[in-house]
């Protein structure tokens, strides 16, 4: 019986996976901040009228 050998990720593969996670996090944070700015702007406009 042969056991399956688990292949370790190379440095480039690990780095690419980490960058992908970081990219998603940056997109999420950016979209949340943009939503907050839009909501605050709308509230300020409604409050002044």
Protein backbone atom coordinates (compact mmCIF):
# COMPACT_ATOMS: atom_id res chain seq x y z
CA UNK A 1 0.00 0.00 0.00
CA UNK A 2 1.25 3.41 -0.88
CA UNK A 3 0.48 6.51 1.07
CA UNK A 4 -0.42 9.72 -0.67
CA UNK A 5 2.32 12.30 -0.33
CA UNK A 6 1.00 15.74 0.42
CA UNK A 7 2.76 18.26 -1.78
CA UNK A 8 3.97 21.34 0.02
CA UNK A 9 3.15 24.66 -1.56
CA UNK A 10 6.07 26.46 -3.11
CA UNK A 11 6.95 29.95 -1.95
CA UNK A 12 5.37 31.50 -5.05
CA UNK A 13 2.11 29.58 -4.54
CA UNK A 14 1.93 30.56 -0.87
CA UNK A 15 2.72 34.18 -1.73
CA UNK A 16 0.03 34.23 -4.43
CA UNK A 17 -2.56 32.81 -2.03
CA UNK A 18 -1.64 35.40 0.63
CA UNK A 19 -1.90 38.22 -1.93
CA UNK A 20 -5.32 36.96 -3.02
CA UNK A 21 -6.56 37.05 0.58
CA UNK A 22 -5.08 40.52 1.08
CA UNK A 23 -6.71 41.73 -2.14
CA UNK A 24 -10.12 40.53 -0.98
CA UNK A 25 -9.64 42.19 2.41
CA UNK A 26 -8.68 45.50 0.79
CA UNK A 27 -11.72 45.35 -1.48
CA UNK A 28 -14.02 44.64 1.49
CA UNK A 29 -12.58 47.42 3.63
CA UNK A 30 -12.74 49.87 0.73
CA UNK A 31 -16.35 49.05 -0.07
CA UNK A 32 -17.39 49.36 3.57
CA UNK A 33 -15.68 52.75 3.89
CA UNK A 34 -17.27 53.93 0.64
CA UNK A 35 -20.70 52.84 1.89
CA UNK A 36 -20.16 54.76 5.15
CA UNK A 37 -19.15 57.91 3.25
CA UNK A 38 -22.19 57.66 0.96
CA UNK A 39 -24.56 57.11 3.89
CA UNK A 40 -23.07 59.99 5.87
CA UNK A 41 -23.31 62.30 2.84
CA UNK A 42 -26.97 61.40 2.30
CA UNK A 43 -27.74 61.95 5.98
CA UNK A 44 -26.00 65.35 5.95
CA UNK A 45 -27.96 66.43 2.85
CA UNK A 46 -31.28 65.27 4.32
CA UNK A 47 -30.52 66.92 7.67
CA UNK A 48 -29.76 70.31 6.08
CA UNK A 49 -32.97 70.53 4.10
